[in-house]
Amino acid sequence: QVQLVESGGGLVQAGGSLRLSCAASGRTFSRYAMGWFRQAPGKEREFVAAISWSGGSTYYGESVKGRFTISRGNAKNTVYLQMNSLKPEDTAAYYCAAVGEGNGSRWFSARHEAAFYDYWGQGTQVTVSS
């Protein structure tokens, strides 16, 4: 089991940058693939980015491709989301999620689905002003 704690959210002007972090408990962080999702008020949860167990495979939602970068530091048990060129429509609560290595066969087909992930953090708010 793993516990996830997000940080790094805040208020930023359009065009600015933020870096979110998600710290995971435990000593087996490398056995979890990680994802970032976001949810704005009144909207469904949206896939943002995912990174595989080794970090060798990444995947992005269309709305953030080219602006956001997901990375992981297995030695620090942390996954990051670097967000550049932020837009007001990026305003949302951002959640990190984890899935164990036993789901490797579904990585390419399901990595963008919230149901693929077993563990979730509490979220961090990102607000982008125009």
Foldseek 3Di string as FASTA:
>chain_A
DKAKAKDWADEEAAQAKTKMKIAIDDLPLLQKKKFKWWDDPPDDIFGAKIAHSVRPDIDGDPVQPPFWDWGDDSVRRMIMIIGGRDDQVVWTWMKMFIAGNVCVVCCVPPVGPPVRTDYMYPTDTHGYHD
